[in-house]
C-alpha atoms as a PDB file:
ATOM      1  CA  MET A   1    -104.693-112.439 -65.775  1.00  0.00           C
ATOM      2  CA  HIS A   2    -104.853-111.167 -62.081  1.00  0.00           C
ATOM      3  CA  ALA A   3    -105.366-107.151 -61.995  1.00  0.00           C
ATOM      4  CA  ASP A   4    -101.779-106.725 -60.792  1.00  0.00           C
ATOM      5  CA  SER A   5    -100.395-107.996 -63.859  1.00  0.00           C
ATOM      6  CA  TRP A   6    -102.732-105.827 -66.070  1.00  0.00           C
ATOM      7  CA  GLY A   7    -101.307-102.963 -63.997  1.00  0.00           C
ATOM      8  CA  MET A   8     -97.622-104.213 -64.707  1.00  0.00           C
ATOM      9  CA  LYS A   9     -98.314-104.883 -68.431  1.00  0.00           C
ATOM     10  CA  LEU A  10     -99.586-101.110 -68.585  1.00  0.00           C
ATOM     11  CA  ALA A  11     -96.629 -99.815 -66.864  1.00  0.00           C
ATOM     12  CA  ARG A  12     -94.186-101.745 -69.091  1.00  0.00           C
ATOM     13  CA  GLN A  13     -96.035-100.264 -72.302  1.00  0.00           C
ATOM     14  CA  ILE A  14     -95.347 -96.871 -70.805  1.00  0.00           C
ATOM     15  CA  SER A  15     -91.968 -97.281 -70.251  1.00  0.00           C
ATOM     16  CA  LEU A  16     -91.283 -98.382 -73.729  1.00  0.00           C
ATOM     17  CA  THR A  17     -92.492 -94.614 -74.567  1.00  0.00           C
ATOM     18  CA  GLY A  18     -89.770 -92.827 -72.455  1.00  0.00           C
ATOM     19  CA  GLN A  19     -87.746 -92.668 -69.606  1.00  0.00           C
ATOM     20  CA  TYR A  20     -89.841 -92.420 -66.443  1.00  0.00           C
ATOM     21  CA  SER A  21     -89.059 -92.568 -63.011  1.00  0.00           C
ATOM     22  CA  LYS A  22     -89.727 -95.894 -60.798  1.00  0.00           C
ATOM     23  CA  GLU A  23     -92.376 -94.123 -58.836  1.00  0.00           C
ATOM     24  CA  ILE A  24     -94.440 -92.852 -61.929  1.00  0.00           C
ATOM     25  CA  LEU A  25     -94.353 -96.243 -63.348  1.00  0.00           C
ATOM     26  CA  GLU A  26     -95.238 -97.964 -59.983  1.00  0.00           C
ATOM     27  CA  ALA A  27     -98.233 -95.296 -59.820  1.00  0.00           C
ATOM     28  CA  PHE A  28     -99.794 -96.903 -62.858  1.00  0.00           C
ATOM     29  CA  THR A  29     -99.599-100.445 -61.260  1.00  0.00           C
ATOM     30  CA  LYS A  30    -101.519 -99.524 -58.154  1.00  0.00           C
ATOM     31  CA  ILE A  31    -104.604 -97.816 -59.660  1.00  0.00           C
ATOM     32  CA  PRO A  32    -107.263-100.197 -61.365  1.00  0.00           C
ATOM     33  CA  ARG A  33    -108.550 -98.099 -64.218  1.00  0.00           C
ATOM     34  CA  GLU A  34    -111.507-100.259 -64.689  1.00  0.00           C
ATOM     35  CA  ILE A  35    -113.346 -98.524 -61.715  1.00  0.00           C
ATOM     36  CA  PHE A  36    -113.036 -95.227 -63.266  1.00  0.00           C
ATOM     37  CA  CYS A  37    -115.111 -96.488 -66.149  1.00  0.00           C
ATOM     38  CA  GLU A  38    -118.947 -97.212 -66.381  1.00  0.00           C
ATOM     39  CA  TYR A  39    -118.444 -99.224 -69.498  1.00  0.00           C
ATOM     40  CA  ASP A  40    -117.377-102.986 -69.486  1.00  0.00           C
ATOM     41  CA  TYR A  41    -114.266-102.816 -71.808  1.00  0.00           C
ATOM     42  CA  PRO A  42    -112.072-105.957 -72.152  1.00  0.00           C
ATOM     43  CA  MET A  43    -108.717-105.816 -69.731  1.00  0.00           C
ATOM     44  CA  GLU A  44    -106.963-105.582 -73.060  1.00  0.00           C
ATOM     45  CA  VAL A  45    -108.667-102.133 -74.082  1.00  0.00           C
ATOM     46  CA  LEU A  46    -108.479-100.784 -70.472  1.00  0.00           C
ATOM     47  CA  TYR A  47    -105.026-101.576 -69.943  1.00  0.00           C
ATOM     48  CA  SER A  48    -103.645-100.439 -73.118  1.00  0.00           C
ATOM     49  CA  ASP A  49    -101.723 -97.472 -73.901  1.00  0.00           C
ATOM     50  CA  ASP A  50    -104.734 -95.532 -75.221  1.00  0.00           C
ATOM     51  CA  VAL A  51    -107.459 -93.270 -74.786  1.00  0.00           C
ATOM     52  CA  VAL A  52    -110.620 -94.713 -73.275  1.00  0.00           C
ATOM     53  CA  ILE A  53    -114.124 -93.110 -72.895  1.00  0.00           C
ATOM     54  CA  THR A  54    -115.143 -93.610 -69.336  1.00  0.00           C
ATOM     55  CA  SER A  55    -118.419 -91.825 -69.022  1.00  0.00           C
ATOM     56  CA  LYS A  56    -120.921 -90.030 -71.080  1.00  0.00           C
ATOM     57  CA  ASP A  57    -123.476 -87.520 -70.148  1.00  0.00           C
ATOM     58  CA  GLY A  58    -125.607 -86.103 -73.010  1.00  0.00           C
ATOM     59  CA  ASP A  59    -123.540 -84.395 -75.270  1.00  0.00           C
ATOM     60  CA  ASP A  60    -120.614 -84.461 -72.727  1.00  0.00           C
ATOM     61  CA  HIS A  61    -117.892 -87.046 -72.677  1.00  0.00           C
ATOM     62  CA  SER A  62    -115.195 -88.125 -70.159  1.00  0.00           C
ATOM     63  CA  THR A  63    -112.033 -89.979 -71.302  1.00  0.00           C
ATOM     64  CA  SER A  64    -109.331 -91.594 -69.483  1.00  0.00           C
ATOM     65  CA  SER A  65    -106.370 -89.853 -71.467  1.00  0.00           C
ATOM     66  CA  GLN A  66    -103.566 -92.011 -73.060  1.00  0.00           C
ATOM     67  CA  PRO A  67    -101.391 -93.291 -69.913  1.00  0.00           C
ATOM     68  CA  SER A  68     -98.046 -92.574 -71.359  1.00  0.00           C
ATOM     69  CA  LEU A  69     -98.959 -88.964 -72.059  1.00  0.00           C
ATOM     70  CA  MET A  70     -99.905 -88.395 -68.637  1.00  0.00           C
ATOM     71  CA  ALA A  71     -96.831 -89.891 -67.366  1.00  0.00           C
ATOM     72  CA  LEU A  72     -94.906 -87.384 -69.801  1.00  0.00           C
ATOM     73  CA  PHE A  73     -97.148 -84.620 -68.181  1.00  0.00           C
ATOM     74  CA  MET A  74     -96.107 -85.912 -64.623  1.00  0.00           C
ATOM     75  CA  LYS A  75     -92.499 -85.813 -65.717  1.00  0.00           C
ATOM     76  CA  ALA A  76     -92.736 -82.360 -67.100  1.00  0.00           C
ATOM     77  CA  ILE A  77     -93.857 -80.954 -63.878  1.00  0.00           C
ATOM     78  CA  GLY A  78     -91.237 -83.172 -62.094  1.00  0.00           C
ATOM     79  CA  ILE A  79     -93.960 -84.813 -59.806  1.00  0.00           C
ATOM     80  CA  SER A  80     -92.419 -86.380 -56.346  1.00  0.00           C
ATOM     81  CA  LYS A  81     -93.620 -86.752 -52.779  1.00  0.00           C
ATOM     82  CA  GLY A  82     -95.033 -84.261 -50.608  1.00  0.00           C
ATOM     83  CA  MET A  83     -95.985 -81.868 -53.599  1.00  0.00           C
ATOM     84  CA  LYS A  84     -99.635 -80.722 -53.509  1.00  0.00           C
ATOM     85  CA  ILE A  85    -101.043 -80.801 -57.373  1.00  0.00           C
ATOM     86  CA  LEU A  86    -104.220 -79.154 -58.827  1.00  0.00           C
ATOM     87  CA  GLU A  87    -105.708 -81.108 -61.387  1.00  0.00           C
ATOM     88  CA  ILE A  88    -108.200 -79.423 -64.032  1.00  0.00           C
ATOM     89  CA  GLY A  89    -110.700 -81.566 -65.842  1.00  0.00           C
ATOM     90  CA  SER A  90    -110.454 -84.766 -63.693  1.00  0.00           C
ATOM     91  CA  GLY A  91    -113.322 -86.337 -65.511  1.00  0.00           C
ATOM     92  CA  THR A  92    -113.978 -89.902 -63.387  1.00  0.00           C
ATOM     93  CA  GLY A  93    -110.860 -89.135 -61.610  1.00  0.00           C
ATOM     94  CA  TYR A  94    -108.182 -91.871 -62.842  1.00  0.00           C
ATOM     95  CA  ASN A  95    -105.090 -89.653 -63.497  1.00  0.00           C
ATOM     96  CA  ALA A  96    -105.681 -88.000 -60.061  1.00  0.00           C
ATOM     97  CA  CYS A  97    -105.791 -91.227 -58.090  1.00  0.00           C
ATOM     98  CA  VAL A  98    -102.662 -92.059 -59.968  1.00  0.00           C
ATOM     99  CA  MET A  99    -101.034 -88.832 -59.103  1.00  0.00           C
ATOM    100  CA  SER A 100    -101.866 -89.582 -55.540  1.00  0.00           C
ATOM    101  CA  GLN A 101     -99.876 -92.451 -55.075  1.00  0.00           C
ATOM    102  CA  ILE A 102     -96.597 -90.450 -56.349  1.00  0.00           C
ATOM    103  CA  VAL A 103     -97.179 -87.629 -53.854  1.00  0.00           C
ATOM    104  CA  GLY A 104     -97.823 -89.993 -51.079  1.00  0.00           C
ATOM    105  CA  GLU A 105     -99.400 -89.326 -47.780  1.00  0.00           C
ATOM    106  CA  ASN A 106     -97.688 -86.126 -47.000  1.00  0.00           C
ATOM    107  CA  GLY A 107     -98.615 -84.702 -50.531  1.00  0.00           C
ATOM    108  CA  SER A 108    -102.173 -84.065 -52.163  1.00  0.00           C
ATOM    109  CA  VAL A 109    -103.945 -83.950 -55.116  1.00  0.00           C
ATOM    110  CA  VAL A 110    -107.177 -81.764 -55.764  1.00  0.00           C
ATOM    111  CA  GLY A 111    -109.243 -82.430 -58.769  1.00  0.00           C
ATOM    112  CA  VAL A 112    -111.723 -79.931 -60.290  1.00  0.00           C
ATOM    113  CA  GLU A 113    -114.437 -81.177 -62.772  1.00  0.00           C
ATOM    114  CA  VAL A 114    -117.253 -79.025 -64.189  1.00  0.00           C
ATOM    115  CA  ASN A 115    -119.660 -81.949 -65.037  1.00  0.00           C
ATOM    116  CA  LYS A 116    -121.461 -83.447 -61.637  1.00  0.00           C
ATOM    117  CA  LYS A 117    -122.069 -86.848 -63.007  1.00  0.00           C
ATOM    118  CA  PHE A 118    -118.181 -87.313 -63.810  1.00  0.00           C
ATOM    119  CA  PHE A 119    -117.310 -85.530 -60.469  1.00  0.00           C
ATOM    120  CA  GLU A 120    -119.704 -88.070 -58.547  1.00  0.00           C
ATOM    121  CA  HIS A 121    -118.053 -90.839 -60.183  1.00  0.00           C
ATOM    122  CA  ALA A 122    -114.639 -89.768 -59.138  1.00  0.00           C
ATOM    123  CA  VAL A 123    -115.598 -89.025 -55.533  1.00  0.00           C
ATOM    124  CA  ARG A 124    -117.163 -92.695 -55.559  1.00  0.00           C
ATOM    125  CA  ALA A 125    -114.053 -94.329 -57.017  1.00  0.00           C
ATOM    126  CA  SER A 126    -111.602 -92.734 -54.949  1.00  0.00           C
ATOM    127  CA  LYS A 127    -113.481 -93.604 -51.770  1.00  0.00           C
ATOM    128  CA  SER A 128    -113.828 -97.192 -53.026  1.00  0.00           C
ATOM    129  CA  LEU A 129    -110.052 -97.450 -53.176  1.00  0.00           C
ATOM    130  CA  ASP A 130    -109.797 -95.866 -49.688  1.00  0.00           C
ATOM    131  CA  ILE A 131    -107.416 -92.894 -51.211  1.00  0.00           C
ATOM    132  CA  GLY A 132    -107.333 -90.233 -48.348  1.00  0.00           C
ATOM    133  CA  ASN A 133    -104.877 -87.753 -50.254  1.00  0.00           C
ATOM    134  CA  VAL A 134    -107.032 -86.756 -53.050  1.00  0.00           C
ATOM    135  CA  SER A 135    -110.105 -84.615 -53.130  1.00  0.00           C
ATOM    136  CA  PHE A 136    -112.359 -83.521 -55.942  1.00  0.00           C
ATOM    137  CA  ILE A 137    -114.351 -80.281 -56.461  1.00  0.00           C
ATOM    138  CA  ASN A 138    -117.410 -79.774 -58.833  1.00  0.00           C
ATOM    139  CA  GLN A 139    -116.879 -76.295 -60.459  1.00  0.00           C
ATOM    140  CA  ASP A 140    -115.415 -74.575 -63.515  1.00  0.00           C
ATOM    141  CA  GLY A 141    -111.736 -75.382 -63.861  1.00  0.00           C
ATOM    142  CA  ALA A 142    -111.195 -71.790 -64.700  1.00  0.00           C
ATOM    143  CA  LEU A 143    -111.448 -70.787 -60.882  1.00  0.00           C
ATOM    144  CA  GLY A 144    -108.971 -73.338 -60.022  1.00  0.00           C
ATOM    145  CA  CYS A 145    -109.389 -74.194 -56.491  1.00  0.00           C
ATOM    146  CA  GLU A 146    -108.444 -71.343 -54.062  1.00  0.00           C
ATOM    147  CA  GLU A 147    -109.320 -73.459 -51.071  1.00  0.00           C
ATOM    148  CA  PHE A 148    -106.328 -75.419 -51.036  1.00  0.00           C
ATOM    149  CA  ALA A 149    -103.872 -73.450 -52.809  1.00  0.00           C
ATOM    150  CA  PRO A 150    -101.215 -72.807 -53.175  1.00  0.00           C
ATOM    151  CA  TYR A 151    -100.072 -75.611 -55.609  1.00  0.00           C
ATOM    152  CA  ASP A 152     -96.306 -77.156 -56.542  1.00  0.00           C
ATOM    153  CA  ALA A 153     -97.975 -78.092 -60.117  1.00  0.00           C
ATOM    154  CA  ILE A 154    -101.188 -77.811 -62.138  1.00  0.00           C
ATOM    155  CA  VAL A 155    -101.843 -80.430 -64.337  1.00  0.00           C
ATOM    156  CA  VAL A 156    -104.674 -79.734 -67.239  1.00  0.00           C
ATOM    157  CA  THR A 157    -106.176 -82.618 -68.882  1.00  0.00           C
ATOM    158  CA  VAL A 158    -108.588 -80.599 -71.117  1.00  0.00           C
ATOM    159  CA  ALA A 159    -107.640 -78.450 -74.012  1.00  0.00           C
ATOM    160  CA  VAL A 160    -108.099 -74.650 -73.446  1.00  0.00           C
ATOM    161  CA  ASP A 161    -107.936 -71.835 -75.466  1.00  0.00           C
ATOM    162  CA  ARG A 162    -106.720 -69.498 -72.583  1.00  0.00           C
ATOM    163  CA  ILE A 163    -104.904 -69.784 -69.288  1.00  0.00           C
ATOM    164  CA  PRO A 164    -106.535 -68.086 -66.529  1.00  0.00           C
ATOM    165  CA  LEU A 165    -104.453 -65.627 -64.462  1.00  0.00           C
ATOM    166  CA  GLN A 166    -105.951 -67.211 -61.571  1.00  0.00           C
ATOM    167  CA  TRP A 167    -104.069 -70.389 -61.950  1.00  0.00           C
ATOM    168  CA  PHE A 168    -100.991 -68.657 -61.612  1.00  0.00           C
ATOM    169  CA  LYS A 169    -101.841 -66.687 -58.589  1.00  0.00           C
ATOM    170  CA  GLN A 170    -102.708 -70.008 -56.964  1.00  0.00           C
ATOM    171  CA  LEU A 171     -99.131 -71.383 -58.313  1.00  0.00           C
ATOM    172  CA  LYS A 172     -96.369 -71.549 -55.855  1.00  0.00           C
ATOM    173  CA  ILE A 173     -93.143 -69.589 -57.034  1.00  0.00           C
ATOM    174  CA  ASN A 174     -91.248 -72.064 -59.202  1.00  0.00           C
ATOM    175  CA  GLY A 175     -94.233 -73.998 -59.643  1.00  0.00           C
ATOM    176  CA  LYS A 176     -95.158 -75.479 -63.125  1.00  0.00           C
ATOM    177  CA  ILE A 177     -98.333 -75.685 -64.902  1.00  0.00           C
ATOM    178  CA  ILE A 178     -98.565 -78.255 -68.069  1.00  0.00           C
ATOM    179  CA  VAL A 179    -101.572 -77.607 -70.217  1.00  0.00           C
ATOM    180  CA  PRO A 180    -102.921 -78.551 -73.916  1.00  0.00           C
ATOM    181  CA  VAL A 181    -103.554 -75.263 -75.568  1.00  0.00           C
ATOM    182  CA  ASP A 182    -106.226 -75.372 -78.293  1.00  0.00           C
ATOM    183  CA  VAL A 183    -104.919 -73.175 -81.120  1.00  0.00           C
ATOM    184  CA  PHE A 184    -108.267 -73.252 -83.006  1.00  0.00           C
ATOM    185  CA  LEU A 185    -106.988 -71.292 -86.190  1.00  0.00           C
ATOM    186  CA  SER A 186    -104.322 -73.775 -86.777  1.00  0.00           C
ATOM    187  CA  GLN A 187    -105.803 -76.804 -85.840  1.00  0.00           C
ATOM    188  CA  SER A 188    -103.091 -77.657 -83.203  1.00  0.00           C
ATOM    189  CA  GLN A 189    -103.237 -78.452 -79.713  1.00  0.00           C
ATOM    190  CA  PRO A 190     -99.654 -78.238 -78.348  1.00  0.00           C
ATOM    191  CA  ALA A 191     -98.848 -79.064 -74.598  1.00  0.00           C
ATOM    192  CA  VAL A 192     -97.195 -76.084 -73.117  1.00  0.00           C
ATOM    193  CA  LEU A 193     -95.079 -76.087 -69.707  1.00  0.00           C
ATOM    194  CA  PHE A 194     -95.553 -72.560 -67.888  1.00  0.00           C
ATOM    195  CA  GLU A 195     -92.950 -72.112 -65.216  1.00  0.00           C
ATOM    196  CA  LYS A 196     -93.498 -69.129 -62.522  1.00  0.00           C
ATOM    197  CA  SER A 197     -90.832 -67.140 -61.240  1.00  0.00           C
ATOM    198  CA  PRO A 198     -91.250 -64.074 -58.630  1.00  0.00           C
ATOM    199  CA  ASN A 199     -91.591 -61.509 -61.630  1.00  0.00           C
ATOM    200  CA  SER A 200     -92.405 -63.575 -64.788  1.00  0.00           C
ATOM    201  CA  ILE A 201     -93.682 -66.561 -66.405  1.00  0.00           C
ATOM    202  CA  ILE A 202     -91.965 -68.570 -69.022  1.00  0.00           C
ATOM    203  CA  ALA A 203     -93.532 -71.078 -71.498  1.00  0.00           C
ATOM    204  CA  ARG A 204     -92.310 -73.978 -73.651  1.00  0.00           C
ATOM    205  CA  GLU A 205     -93.986 -76.505 -75.745  1.00  0.00           C
ATOM    206  CA  VAL A 206     -93.265 -80.082 -74.779  1.00  0.00           C
ATOM    207  CA  VAL A 207     -95.289 -82.222 -77.125  1.00  0.00           C
ATOM    208  CA  GLU A 208     -98.193 -81.974 -79.790  1.00  0.00           C
ATOM    209  CA  THR A 209    -101.633 -83.327 -78.288  1.00  0.00           C
ATOM    210  CA  ARG A 210    -105.228 -84.144 -79.175  1.00  0.00           C
ATOM    211  CA  PHE A 211    -107.603 -83.696 -75.900  1.00  0.00           C
ATOM    212  CA  LEU A 212    -111.398 -82.916 -75.710  1.00  0.00           C
ATOM    213  CA  LYS A 213    -111.806 -79.234 -75.935  1.00  0.00           C
ATOM    214  CA  ALA A 214    -112.959 -77.185 -72.851  1.00  0.00           C
ATOM    215  CA  LYS A 215    -116.363 -75.661 -72.480  1.00  0.00           C
ATOM    216  CA  GLY A 216    -117.245 -72.620 -70.702  1.00  0.00           C
ATOM    217  CA  LEU A 217    -114.761 -70.059 -69.593  1.00  0.00           C
ATOM    218  CA  LEU A 218    -111.686 -72.089 -70.741  1.00  0.00           C
ATOM    219  CA  GLY A 219    -113.000 -72.397 -74.486  1.00  0.00           C
ATOM    220  CA  ASN A 220    -114.837 -68.932 -75.209  1.00  0.00           C
ATOM    221  CA  LEU A 221    -111.625 -67.123 -76.335  1.00  0.00           C
ATOM    222  CA  ASN A 222    -112.878 -66.683 -79.867  1.00  0.00           C
ATOM    223  CA  GLN A 223    -116.214 -64.992 -78.534  1.00  0.00           C
ATOM    224  CA  ASP A 224    -114.436 -62.747 -76.135  1.00  0.00           C
ATOM    225  CA  ASN A 225    -112.058 -61.539 -78.848  1.00  0.00           C
ATOM    226  CA  LEU A 226    -115.144 -60.848 -81.170  1.00  0.00           C
ATOM    227  CA  ALA A 227    -116.725 -58.738 -78.331  1.00  0.00           C
ATOM    228  CA  LYS A 228    -113.614 -56.688 -77.875  1.00  0.00           C
ATOM    229  CA  LEU A 229    -113.385 -56.396 -81.817  1.00  0.00           C
ATOM    230  CA  SER A 230    -116.939 -54.939 -81.723  1.00  0.00           C
ATOM    231  CA  LYS A 231    -116.131 -52.375 -79.371  1.00  0.00           C
ATOM    232  CA  ILE A 232    -113.170 -50.965 -81.702  1.00  0.00           C
ATOM    233  CA  GLN A 233    -113.905 -51.550 -85.279  1.00  0.00           C
ATOM    234  CA  SER A 234    -114.565 -47.881 -85.841  1.00  0.00           C
ATOM    235  CA  LYS A 235    -110.664 -47.191 -85.883  1.00  0.00           C
ATOM    236  CA  GLU A 236    -109.310 -45.729 -88.883  1.00  0.00           C
ATOM    237  CA  PHE A 237    -106.992 -47.626 -91.140  1.00  0.00           C
ATOM    238  CA  SER A 238    -103.560 -46.908 -90.219  1.00  0.00           C
ATOM    239  CA  GLY A 239    -101.087 -49.555 -92.400  1.00  0.00           C
ATOM    240  CA  VAL A 240     -99.964 -52.681 -93.103  1.00  0.00           C
ATOM    241  CA  ILE A 241     -97.346 -55.068 -91.887  1.00  0.00           C
ATOM    242  CA  LYS A 242     -96.109 -57.700 -94.538  1.00  0.00           C
ATOM    243  CA  VAL A 243     -94.601 -60.885 -93.258  1.00  0.00           C
ATOM    244  CA  LYS A 244     -91.582 -61.530 -95.645  1.00  0.00           C
ATOM    245  CA  HIS A 245     -91.536 -65.441 -95.089  1.00  0.00           C
ATOM    246  CA  TYR A 246     -94.364 -67.051 -93.212  1.00  0.00           C
ATOM    247  CA  PHE A 247     -96.373 -70.188 -92.633  1.00  0.00           C
ATOM    248  CA  GLU A 248     -99.793 -69.012 -92.005  1.00  0.00           C
ATOM    249  CA  SER A 249    -100.599 -71.828 -89.337  1.00  0.00           C
ATOM    250  CA  GLU A 250     -97.352 -71.227 -87.537  1.00  0.00           C
ATOM    251  CA  MET A 251     -97.987 -67.484 -87.430  1.00  0.00           C
ATOM    252  CA  PHE A 252    -101.250 -68.059 -85.971  1.00  0.00           C
ATOM    253  CA  ARG A 253    -100.083 -70.401 -83.637  1.00  0.00           C
ATOM    254  CA  LEU A 254     -97.390 -68.091 -82.415  1.00  0.00           C
ATOM    255  CA  LEU A 255     -99.894 -65.123 -81.827  1.00  0.00           C
ATOM    256  CA  HIS A 256    -102.295 -67.244 -79.873  1.00  0.00           C
ATOM    257  CA  LEU A 257     -99.692 -68.197 -77.516  1.00  0.00           C
ATOM    258  CA  THR A 258     -98.019 -64.792 -77.140  1.00  0.00           C
ATOM    259  CA  CYS A 259    -100.921 -62.404 -77.268  1.00  0.00           C
ATOM    260  CA  TRP A 260    -103.962 -64.870 -77.254  1.00  0.00           C
ATOM    261  CA  SER A 261    -105.767 -62.125 -79.439  1.00  0.00           C
ATOM    262  CA  LEU A 262    -107.144 -64.036 -82.418  1.00  0.00           C
ATOM    263  CA  CYS A 263    -110.722 -64.558 -83.513  1.00  0.00           C
ATOM    264  CA  GLN A 264    -112.465 -65.443 -86.801  1.00  0.00           C
ATOM    265  CA  LYS A 265    -115.326 -63.633 -88.332  1.00  0.00           C
ATOM    266  CA  ASP A 266    -117.082 -64.047 -91.809  1.00  0.00           C
ATOM    267  CA  ARG A 267    -113.987 -66.389 -92.542  1.00  0.00           C
ATOM    268  CA  GLN A 268    -111.404 -63.263 -91.900  1.00  0.00           C
ATOM    269  CA  ILE A 269    -109.162 -63.735 -89.312  1.00  0.00           C
ATOM    270  CA  TYR A 270    -108.399 -60.650 -86.648  1.00  0.00           C
ATOM    271  CA  HIS A 271    -106.030 -60.050 -84.182  1.00  0.00           C
ATOM    272  CA  VAL A 272    -107.342 -57.596 -81.365  1.00  0.00           C
ATOM    273  CA  GLU A 273    -105.758 -55.036 -78.986  1.00  0.00           C
ATOM    274  CA  GLU A 274    -106.943 -52.552 -76.465  1.00  0.00           C
ATOM    275  CA  THR A 275    -106.018 -49.806 -79.119  1.00  0.00           C
ATOM    276  CA  GLY A 276    -106.751 -51.430 -82.487  1.00  0.00           C
ATOM    277  CA  TYR A 277    -107.093 -54.524 -84.473  1.00  0.00           C
ATOM    278  CA  ALA A 278    -105.342 -56.000 -87.624  1.00  0.00           C
ATOM    279  CA  VAL A 279    -107.183 -58.197 -90.247  1.00  0.00           C
ATOM    280  CA  TRP A 280    -105.436 -61.000 -92.144  1.00  0.00           C
ATOM    281  CA  GLN A 281    -105.308 -60.637 -95.979  1.00  0.00           C
ATOM    282  CA  GLY A 282    -102.130 -62.359 -96.867  1.00  0.00           C
ATOM    283  CA  LYS A 283    -100.552 -59.436 -94.947  1.00  0.00           C
ATOM    284  CA  TRP A 284    -101.857 -57.529 -91.844  1.00  0.00           C
ATOM    285  CA  GLU A 285    -103.923 -54.620 -92.592  1.00  0.00           C
ATOM    286  CA  ILE A 286    -104.037 -52.327 -89.537  1.00  0.00           C
ATOM    287  CA  PHE A 287    -106.457 -50.241 -87.802  1.00  0.00           C
ATOM    288  CA  GLY A 288    -105.525 -48.116 -84.933  1.00  0.00           C
ATOM    289  CA  VAL A 289    -102.454 -49.276 -83.145  1.00  0.00           C
ATOM    290  CA  VAL A 290    -101.306 -52.737 -82.713  1.00  0.00           C
ATOM    291  CA  GLU A 291     -98.184 -52.703 -80.797  1.00  0.00           C
ATOM    292  CA  LYS A 292     -98.144 -56.294 -79.439  1.00  0.00           C
ATOM    293  CA  LEU A 293     -98.612 -57.552 -83.337  1.00  0.00           C
ATOM    294  CA  SER A 294     -95.682 -55.643 -84.347  1.00  0.00           C
ATOM    295  CA  LYS A 295     -93.454 -56.926 -81.433  1.00  0.00           C
ATOM    296  CA  VAL A 296     -94.235 -60.518 -81.959  1.00  0.00           C
ATOM    297  CA  LEU A 297     -93.693 -60.329 -85.640  1.00  0.00           C
ATOM    298  CA  TYR A 298     -90.360 -58.446 -85.158  1.00  0.00           C
ATOM    299  CA  GLN A 299     -88.808 -61.023 -82.804  1.00  0.00           C
ATOM    300  CA  TRP A 300     -90.085 -63.830 -84.712  1.00  0.00           C
ATOM    301  CA  GLU A 301     -88.311 -62.264 -87.959  1.00  0.00           C
ATOM    302  CA  SER A 302     -85.161 -61.933 -85.845  1.00  0.00           C
ATOM    303  CA  PHE A 303     -85.152 -65.903 -85.072  1.00  0.00           C
ATOM    304  CA  GLY A 304     -85.731 -66.586 -88.821  1.00  0.00           C
ATOM    305  CA  PHE A 305     -89.260 -67.584 -88.392  1.00  0.00           C
ATOM    306  CA  THR A 306     -88.652 -70.500 -86.684  1.00  0.00           C
ATOM    307  CA  ASP A 307     -90.980 -73.245 -85.457  1.00  0.00           C
ATOM    308  CA  SER A 308     -92.611 -72.081 -82.145  1.00  0.00           C
ATOM    309  CA  ARG A 309     -91.723 -75.341 -80.729  1.00  0.00           C
ATOM    310  CA  ASN A 310     -87.960 -73.808 -80.946  1.00  0.00           C
ATOM    311  CA  LEU A 311     -88.911 -70.980 -78.951  1.00  0.00           C
ATOM    312  CA  LYS A 312     -89.645 -70.100 -75.172  1.00  0.00           C
ATOM    313  CA  ILE A 313     -91.912 -67.254 -74.386  1.00  0.00           C
ATOM    314  CA  ASN A 314     -91.587 -64.931 -71.583  1.00  0.00           C
ATOM    315  CA  TYR A 315     -94.581 -62.837 -69.921  1.00  0.00           C
ATOM    316  CA  ASP A 316     -94.664 -61.022 -67.206  1.00  0.00           C
ATOM    317  CA  GLU A 317     -96.533 -62.018 -64.021  1.00  0.00           C
ATOM    318  CA  ASN A 318     -99.930 -61.044 -65.544  1.00  0.00           C
ATOM    319  CA  MET A 319     -99.351 -63.025 -68.559  1.00  0.00           C
ATOM    320  CA  ASN A 320     -98.285 -60.000 -70.762  1.00  0.00           C
ATOM    321  CA  PHE A 321     -95.904 -61.053 -73.575  1.00  0.00           C
ATOM    322  CA  MET A 322     -92.413 -59.720 -72.851  1.00  0.00           C
ATOM    323  CA  CYS A 323     -89.959 -61.604 -75.193  1.00  0.00           C
ATOM    324  CA  MET A 324     -89.070 -64.790 -76.894  1.00  0.00           C
ATOM    325  CA  GLU A 325     -85.944 -66.651 -76.686  1.00  0.00           C
ATOM    326  CA  TYR A 326     -84.665 -69.389 -79.155  1.00  0.00           C
ATOM    327  CA  LYS A 327     -84.340 -72.625 -76.887  1.00  0.00           C
ATOM    328  CA  GLY A 328     -82.772 -74.991 -79.552  1.00  0.00           C
ATOM    329  CA  GLY A 329     -83.935 -78.555 -80.629  1.00  0.00           C
ATOM    330  CA  MET A 330     -87.350 -79.741 -80.827  1.00  0.00           C
ATOM    331  CA  GLY A 331     -88.283 -81.163 -77.396  1.00  0.00           C
ATOM    332  CA  TYR A 332     -87.828 -80.273 -73.678  1.00  0.00           C
ATOM    333  CA  VAL A 333     -88.802 -83.503 -71.597  1.00  0.00           C
END
């Protein structure tokens, strides 16, 4: 089968998973997936709608994500001609090059990859295809890429446990970020769509995912919160918050997404704020003052302890939790 036919076969598989624009589907027919892979997989594997390991560097792996999931991410940000897109976790560059075909010659894609070997593969592959509107940067994705900002959208293809404020500073007003969030205490990785307005940020869950976990600054939230906890553990006991009806994993998921405040120590789970902390014992035992915890749980109760997938979360421009709203339904895209 000719290479073009394999690309068309992949596009047909993707089209069976959802409604995607002609431009998104055609982009997958234009970029040969094998060029981004250092292994000699059969074409049936390379052009299946599956994750493929593209490279290894010691204990680090690069994967080409499930194509239909990447198409869903592209749809979520409203990818179109002329857009400038930042990709975090580009690996060997396949997805960035696919997106480059959609944004066209008047648009651009900037891919950030922390691993030097994977970054160099991405540069070689894009040059071999003579793609002029994609650039790759070798640095920690938490920094984004100030050099080419502002961006219309940011696509993240690695599971992070926090969202750096730096990304929003590099995003245009009305710009969007689609990112898998690693909620480590509930073994969950929801893909969350963030949209930036002049004075606020709104987040909605899109779909449950499974990505490689980020390392470095994008994967050390537990350690950072433990460091904060150690500084305030002298706070005196001040009360208890009981949750009338709850599912522990769902509560942890919601607190992670609203406050970015959880950590685990000696098999106990803590919520940490600047003025106090709480430890989970089937109820929250409070030490000091934890206004954010009370605010989130009160609002969640007002929505009947609904699944977080039914909610949209509102933050201020500095990613501080403001309120949640019921969005209805189970899906967004």
